[in-house]
Amino acid sequence: MNTLTLLQTVPLTTWKDGSLRVVNSRITLDVIVNQFKLGATAEQIQEDFPNLSLREIYGAIAFYLEHIKEVEDYLRKRRNEAEETRKFIEENLPTKQLRATLRARKKELDKV
């Protein structure tokens, strides 16, 4: 009698920055899970990311469904880190002045 191996590999890898991404791509687990939670099917997600195979997308979704609490904790941590980065940039980098300078330069170039 033939037996099937019941072990699957997850098509995810951890990058140096701590993000979980689909192997051989820059697509994060965050993106796939967020689209899935908004009701997108694997096929619809693939339309947005055609370089991902359905196996990779379904694998990421299956990983999420098997580890909902852990992935939700991970997603919450990622959102908090993004918010901290945004605040740091707003508080420490002169983005308003930079934008004004760039607009002024563009206006000057448009005159030429």
N, C-alpha and C. Protein backbone atom coordinates (compact mmCIF):
# COMPACT_ATOMS: atom_id res chain seq x y z
N MET A 1 0.84 -1.18 0.00
CA MET A 1 0.00 0.00 0.00
C MET A 1 0.89 1.25 0.00
N ASN A 2 0.57 2.21 -0.85
CA ASN A 2 1.31 3.47 -0.90
C ASN A 2 0.90 4.36 0.26
N THR A 3 1.86 5.05 0.82
CA THR A 3 1.55 6.00 1.87
C THR A 3 1.98 7.39 1.43
N LEU A 4 1.20 8.36 1.83
CA LEU A 4 1.51 9.75 1.50
C LEU A 4 2.26 10.38 2.66
N THR A 5 3.25 11.17 2.35
CA THR A 5 3.94 11.92 3.38
C THR A 5 3.07 13.11 3.75
N LEU A 6 2.82 13.28 5.03
CA LEU A 6 1.91 14.33 5.48
C LEU A 6 2.66 15.56 5.99
N LEU A 7 3.83 15.78 5.50
CA LEU A 7 4.62 16.93 5.90
C LEU A 7 4.67 17.91 4.74
N GLN A 8 4.38 19.18 5.02
CA GLN A 8 4.42 20.20 3.99
C GLN A 8 5.40 21.28 4.40
N THR A 9 6.05 21.86 3.42
CA THR A 9 6.91 23.00 3.71
C THR A 9 6.11 24.27 3.48
N VAL A 10 6.37 25.24 4.30
CA VAL A 10 5.70 26.53 4.18
C VAL A 10 6.53 27.39 3.24
N PRO A 11 5.90 28.04 2.26
CA PRO A 11 6.67 28.83 1.30
C PRO A 11 7.03 30.22 1.83
N LEU A 12 7.44 30.28 3.09
CA LEU A 12 7.78 31.56 3.71
C LEU A 12 9.20 31.52 4.24
N THR A 13 9.80 32.70 4.30
CA THR A 13 11.14 32.83 4.87
C THR A 13 11.19 34.11 5.69
N THR A 14 12.11 34.16 6.63
CA THR A 14 12.27 35.35 7.45
C THR A 14 13.45 36.15 6.92
N TRP A 15 13.21 37.43 6.65
CA TRP A 15 14.28 38.31 6.19
C TRP A 15 15.04 38.88 7.38
N LYS A 16 16.16 39.51 7.12
CA LYS A 16 16.99 40.08 8.18
C LYS A 16 16.24 41.11 9.02
N ASP A 17 15.28 41.80 8.41
CA ASP A 17 14.51 42.81 9.15
C ASP A 17 13.40 42.19 10.00
N GLY A 18 13.29 40.86 9.98
CA GLY A 18 12.28 40.17 10.78
C GLY A 18 10.97 39.95 10.06
N SER A 19 10.84 40.44 8.84
CA SER A 19 9.59 40.26 8.10
C SER A 19 9.50 38.85 7.53
N LEU A 20 8.28 38.35 7.46
CA LEU A 20 8.02 37.06 6.82
C LEU A 20 7.61 37.33 5.38
N ARG A 21 8.29 36.67 4.45
CA ARG A 21 8.03 36.90 3.03
C ARG A 21 7.93 35.57 2.30
N VAL A 22 7.22 35.60 1.18
CA VAL A 22 7.14 34.43 0.33
C VAL A 22 8.53 34.17 -0.24
N VAL A 23 8.96 32.92 -0.19
CA VAL A 23 10.29 32.53 -0.66
C VAL A 23 10.50 33.04 -2.10
N ASN A 24 11.70 33.54 -2.34
CA ASN A 24 12.10 34.05 -3.66
C ASN A 24 11.26 35.22 -4.15
N SER A 25 10.73 36.00 -3.22
CA SER A 25 10.00 37.22 -3.59
C SER A 25 10.17 38.24 -2.48
N ARG A 26 9.68 39.43 -2.73
CA ARG A 26 9.69 40.46 -1.70
C ARG A 26 8.29 40.64 -1.09
N ILE A 27 7.36 39.80 -1.48
CA ILE A 27 5.98 39.90 -1.01
C ILE A 27 5.90 39.41 0.44
N THR A 28 5.38 40.28 1.31
CA THR A 28 5.29 39.92 2.73
C THR A 28 4.02 39.12 3.02
N LEU A 29 4.11 38.36 4.10
CA LEU A 29 2.93 37.64 4.59
C LEU A 29 1.84 38.64 4.93
N ASP A 30 2.23 39.81 5.41
CA ASP A 30 1.27 40.86 5.77
C ASP A 30 0.31 41.15 4.61
N VAL A 31 0.87 41.32 3.42
CA VAL A 31 0.07 41.67 2.25
C VAL A 31 -0.93 40.57 1.91
N ILE A 32 -0.46 39.35 1.91
CA ILE A 32 -1.34 38.23 1.56
C ILE A 32 -2.45 38.09 2.60
N VAL A 33 -2.09 38.13 3.88
CA VAL A 33 -3.10 37.98 4.94
C VAL A 33 -4.09 39.12 4.90
N ASN A 34 -3.62 40.35 4.71
CA ASN A 34 -4.55 41.49 4.66
C ASN A 34 -5.54 41.35 3.52
N GLN A 35 -5.07 40.96 2.35
CA GLN A 35 -5.99 40.78 1.23
C GLN A 35 -6.96 39.64 1.50
N PHE A 36 -6.45 38.55 2.07
CA PHE A 36 -7.31 37.40 2.40
C PHE A 36 -8.39 37.82 3.41
N LYS A 37 -8.01 38.60 4.41
CA LYS A 37 -8.97 39.04 5.42
C LYS A 37 -10.01 40.00 4.84
N LEU A 38 -9.65 40.67 3.75
CA LEU A 38 -10.61 41.55 3.07
C LEU A 38 -11.53 40.78 2.13
N GLY A 39 -11.31 39.45 2.04
CA GLY A 39 -12.19 38.61 1.24
C GLY A 39 -11.65 38.17 -0.10
N ALA A 40 -10.40 38.52 -0.39
CA ALA A 40 -9.81 38.12 -1.68
C ALA A 40 -9.52 36.63 -1.69
N THR A 41 -9.75 36.02 -2.82
CA THR A 41 -9.39 34.60 -3.01
C THR A 41 -7.92 34.53 -3.40
N ALA A 42 -7.37 33.34 -3.36
CA ALA A 42 -5.98 33.15 -3.78
C ALA A 42 -5.80 33.59 -5.23
N GLU A 43 -6.79 33.29 -6.06
CA GLU A 43 -6.72 33.67 -7.48
C GLU A 43 -6.72 35.20 -7.63
N GLN A 44 -7.51 35.89 -6.82
CA GLN A 44 -7.53 37.35 -6.89
C GLN A 44 -6.21 37.94 -6.38
N ILE A 45 -5.65 37.35 -5.35
CA ILE A 45 -4.35 37.80 -4.86
C ILE A 45 -3.30 37.60 -5.94
N GLN A 46 -3.38 36.48 -6.65
CA GLN A 46 -2.41 36.21 -7.71
C GLN A 46 -2.53 37.24 -8.84
N GLU A 47 -3.72 37.76 -9.08
CA GLU A 47 -3.86 38.82 -10.10
C GLU A 47 -3.01 40.03 -9.74
N ASP A 48 -2.94 40.36 -8.44
CA ASP A 48 -2.13 41.49 -7.99
C ASP A 48 -0.64 41.16 -7.93
N PHE A 49 -0.33 39.88 -7.74
CA PHE A 49 1.05 39.43 -7.61
C PHE A 49 1.27 38.21 -8.51
N PRO A 50 1.30 38.44 -9.83
CA PRO A 50 1.38 37.31 -10.76
C PRO A 50 2.67 36.50 -10.67
N ASN A 51 3.69 37.05 -10.02
CA ASN A 51 4.93 36.28 -9.88
C ASN A 51 4.81 35.21 -8.78
N LEU A 52 3.74 35.25 -7.98
CA LEU A 52 3.50 34.22 -6.97
C LEU A 52 2.64 33.11 -7.56
N SER A 53 2.98 31.88 -7.21
CA SER A 53 2.17 30.75 -7.66
C SER A 53 0.99 30.58 -6.71
N LEU A 54 -0.03 29.90 -7.19
CA LEU A 54 -1.17 29.62 -6.31
C LEU A 54 -0.73 28.78 -5.12
N ARG A 55 0.22 27.87 -5.34
CA ARG A 55 0.72 27.06 -4.23
C ARG A 55 1.33 27.94 -3.14
N GLU A 56 2.09 28.96 -3.53
CA GLU A 56 2.69 29.86 -2.55
C GLU A 56 1.63 30.66 -1.80
N ILE A 57 0.64 31.14 -2.53
CA ILE A 57 -0.43 31.93 -1.91
C ILE A 57 -1.26 31.07 -0.97
N TYR A 58 -1.69 29.91 -1.46
CA TYR A 58 -2.46 29.01 -0.59
C TYR A 58 -1.62 28.57 0.61
N GLY A 59 -0.32 28.37 0.40
CA GLY A 59 0.56 27.97 1.50
C GLY A 59 0.63 29.05 2.57
N ALA A 60 0.73 30.31 2.15
CA ALA A 60 0.77 31.42 3.10
C ALA A 60 -0.56 31.53 3.85
N ILE A 61 -1.67 31.36 3.12
CA ILE A 61 -2.99 31.41 3.76
C ILE A 61 -3.15 30.26 4.74
N ALA A 62 -2.72 29.07 4.34
CA ALA A 62 -2.80 27.91 5.24
C ALA A 62 -1.97 28.14 6.49
N PHE A 63 -0.78 28.72 6.32
CA PHE A 63 0.06 29.02 7.48
C PHE A 63 -0.67 29.97 8.42
N TYR A 64 -1.28 31.01 7.85
CA TYR A 64 -2.05 31.96 8.65
C TYR A 64 -3.17 31.25 9.41
N LEU A 65 -3.93 30.43 8.71
CA LEU A 65 -5.07 29.76 9.33
C LEU A 65 -4.65 28.76 10.41
N GLU A 66 -3.47 28.18 10.26
CA GLU A 66 -2.96 27.24 11.27
C GLU A 66 -2.36 27.95 12.48
N HIS A 67 -1.99 29.24 12.30
CA HIS A 67 -1.29 29.97 13.36
C HIS A 67 -1.89 31.37 13.52
N ILE A 68 -3.21 31.47 13.57
CA ILE A 68 -3.86 32.78 13.58
C ILE A 68 -3.35 33.67 14.72
N LYS A 69 -3.31 33.16 15.93
CA LYS A 69 -2.90 34.00 17.05
C LYS A 69 -1.48 34.52 16.87
N GLU A 70 -0.56 33.64 16.51
CA GLU A 70 0.83 34.03 16.34
C GLU A 70 0.99 35.03 15.19
N VAL A 71 0.28 34.79 14.09
CA VAL A 71 0.39 35.70 12.94
C VAL A 71 -0.25 37.04 13.28
N GLU A 72 -1.37 37.04 13.98
CA GLU A 72 -1.99 38.31 14.38
C GLU A 72 -1.07 39.09 15.31
N ASP A 73 -0.37 38.41 16.22
CA ASP A 73 0.61 39.08 17.08
C ASP A 73 1.74 39.67 16.24
N TYR A 74 2.21 38.90 15.27
CA TYR A 74 3.26 39.36 14.35
C TYR A 74 2.78 40.59 13.57
N LEU A 75 1.56 40.55 13.04
CA LEU A 75 1.02 41.67 12.28
C LEU A 75 0.88 42.92 13.15
N ARG A 76 0.42 42.74 14.38
CA ARG A 76 0.28 43.86 15.31
C ARG A 76 1.66 44.50 15.58
N LYS A 77 2.67 43.65 15.78
CA LYS A 77 4.03 44.14 16.00
C LYS A 77 4.52 44.93 14.79
N ARG A 78 4.26 44.40 13.60
CA ARG A 78 4.68 45.09 12.36
C ARG A 78 3.98 46.44 12.21
N ARG A 79 2.68 46.49 12.54
CA ARG A 79 1.96 47.77 12.46
C ARG A 79 2.55 48.78 13.45
N ASN A 80 2.86 48.32 14.65
CA ASN A 80 3.46 49.20 15.66
C ASN A 80 4.83 49.71 15.21
N GLU A 81 5.63 48.84 14.63
CA GLU A 81 6.94 49.25 14.12
C GLU A 81 6.80 50.28 13.01
N ALA A 82 5.83 50.08 12.12
CA ALA A 82 5.60 51.02 11.02
C ALA A 82 5.17 52.37 11.56
N GLU A 83 4.32 52.36 12.58
CA GLU A 83 3.87 53.62 13.19
C GLU A 83 5.04 54.34 13.86
N GLU A 84 5.91 53.60 14.55
CA GLU A 84 7.08 54.21 15.18
C GLU A 84 8.00 54.82 14.13
N THR A 85 8.18 54.13 13.01
CA THR A 85 9.02 54.65 11.94
C THR A 85 8.43 55.92 11.35
N ARG A 86 7.12 55.90 11.13
CA ARG A 86 6.44 57.09 10.59
C ARG A 86 6.62 58.28 11.53
N LYS A 87 6.42 58.06 12.83
CA LYS A 87 6.58 59.13 13.81
C LYS A 87 8.01 59.65 13.84
N PHE A 88 8.97 58.73 13.78
CA PHE A 88 10.37 59.14 13.78
C PHE A 88 10.67 60.03 12.58
N ILE A 89 10.21 59.62 11.42
CA ILE A 89 10.45 60.40 10.20
C ILE A 89 9.82 61.78 10.32
N GLU A 90 8.57 61.82 10.78
CA GLU A 90 7.89 63.12 10.90
C GLU A 90 8.57 64.02 11.91
N GLU A 91 9.09 63.45 13.01
CA GLU A 91 9.70 64.25 14.07
C GLU A 91 11.15 64.62 13.79
N ASN A 92 11.87 63.82 13.01
CA ASN A 92 13.31 64.01 12.88
C ASN A 92 13.80 64.39 11.49
N LEU A 93 12.98 64.26 10.50
CA LEU A 93 13.40 64.60 9.16
C LEU A 93 12.56 65.76 8.64
N PRO A 94 13.18 66.73 8.02
CA PRO A 94 12.45 67.91 7.55
C PRO A 94 11.67 67.65 6.26
N THR A 95 10.70 66.75 6.32
CA THR A 95 10.00 66.38 5.09
C THR A 95 9.15 67.52 4.53
N LYS A 96 8.57 68.35 5.40
CA LYS A 96 7.75 69.47 4.89
C LYS A 96 8.62 70.46 4.14
N GLN A 97 9.76 70.77 4.69
CA GLN A 97 10.67 71.69 4.03
C GLN A 97 11.22 71.09 2.74
N LEU A 98 11.54 69.81 2.78
CA LEU A 98 12.05 69.13 1.59
C LEU A 98 11.00 69.17 0.48
N ARG A 99 9.76 68.89 0.81
CA ARG A 99 8.70 68.93 -0.21
C ARG A 99 8.56 70.32 -0.80
N ALA A 100 8.61 71.35 0.04
CA ALA A 100 8.50 72.73 -0.44
C ALA A 100 9.66 73.07 -1.37
N THR A 101 10.86 72.63 -1.00
CA THR A 101 12.04 72.87 -1.83
C THR A 101 11.90 72.18 -3.18
N LEU A 102 11.45 70.92 -3.17
CA LEU A 102 11.26 70.17 -4.42
C LEU A 102 10.21 70.81 -5.31
N ARG A 103 9.12 71.27 -4.70
CA ARG A 103 8.07 71.95 -5.49
C ARG A 103 8.58 73.23 -6.11
N ALA A 104 9.37 73.99 -5.34
CA ALA A 104 9.94 75.23 -5.87
C ALA A 104 10.88 74.95 -7.03
N ARG A 105 11.71 73.93 -6.90
CA ARG A 105 12.62 73.57 -7.99
C ARG A 105 11.86 73.13 -9.23
N LYS A 106 10.80 72.35 -9.01
CA LYS A 106 9.99 71.91 -10.15
C LYS A 106 9.36 73.11 -10.85
N LYS A 107 8.87 74.04 -10.06
CA LYS A 107 8.25 75.25 -10.62
C LYS A 107 9.26 76.01 -11.47
N GLU A 108 10.49 76.12 -10.99
CA GLU A 108 11.55 76.79 -11.73
C GLU A 108 11.86 76.06 -13.03
N LEU A 109 11.92 74.74 -12.96
CA LEU A 109 12.19 73.93 -14.17
C LEU A 109 11.06 74.06 -15.19
N ASP A 110 9.85 74.17 -14.71
CA ASP A 110 8.70 74.29 -15.61
C ASP A 110 8.74 75.61 -16.38
N LYS A 111 9.37 76.64 -15.80
CA LYS A 111 9.48 77.94 -16.47
C LYS A 111 10.45 77.90 -17.63
N VAL A 112 11.43 77.00 -17.55
CA VAL A 112 12.49 76.94 -18.56
C VAL A 112 12.02 76.32 -19.83
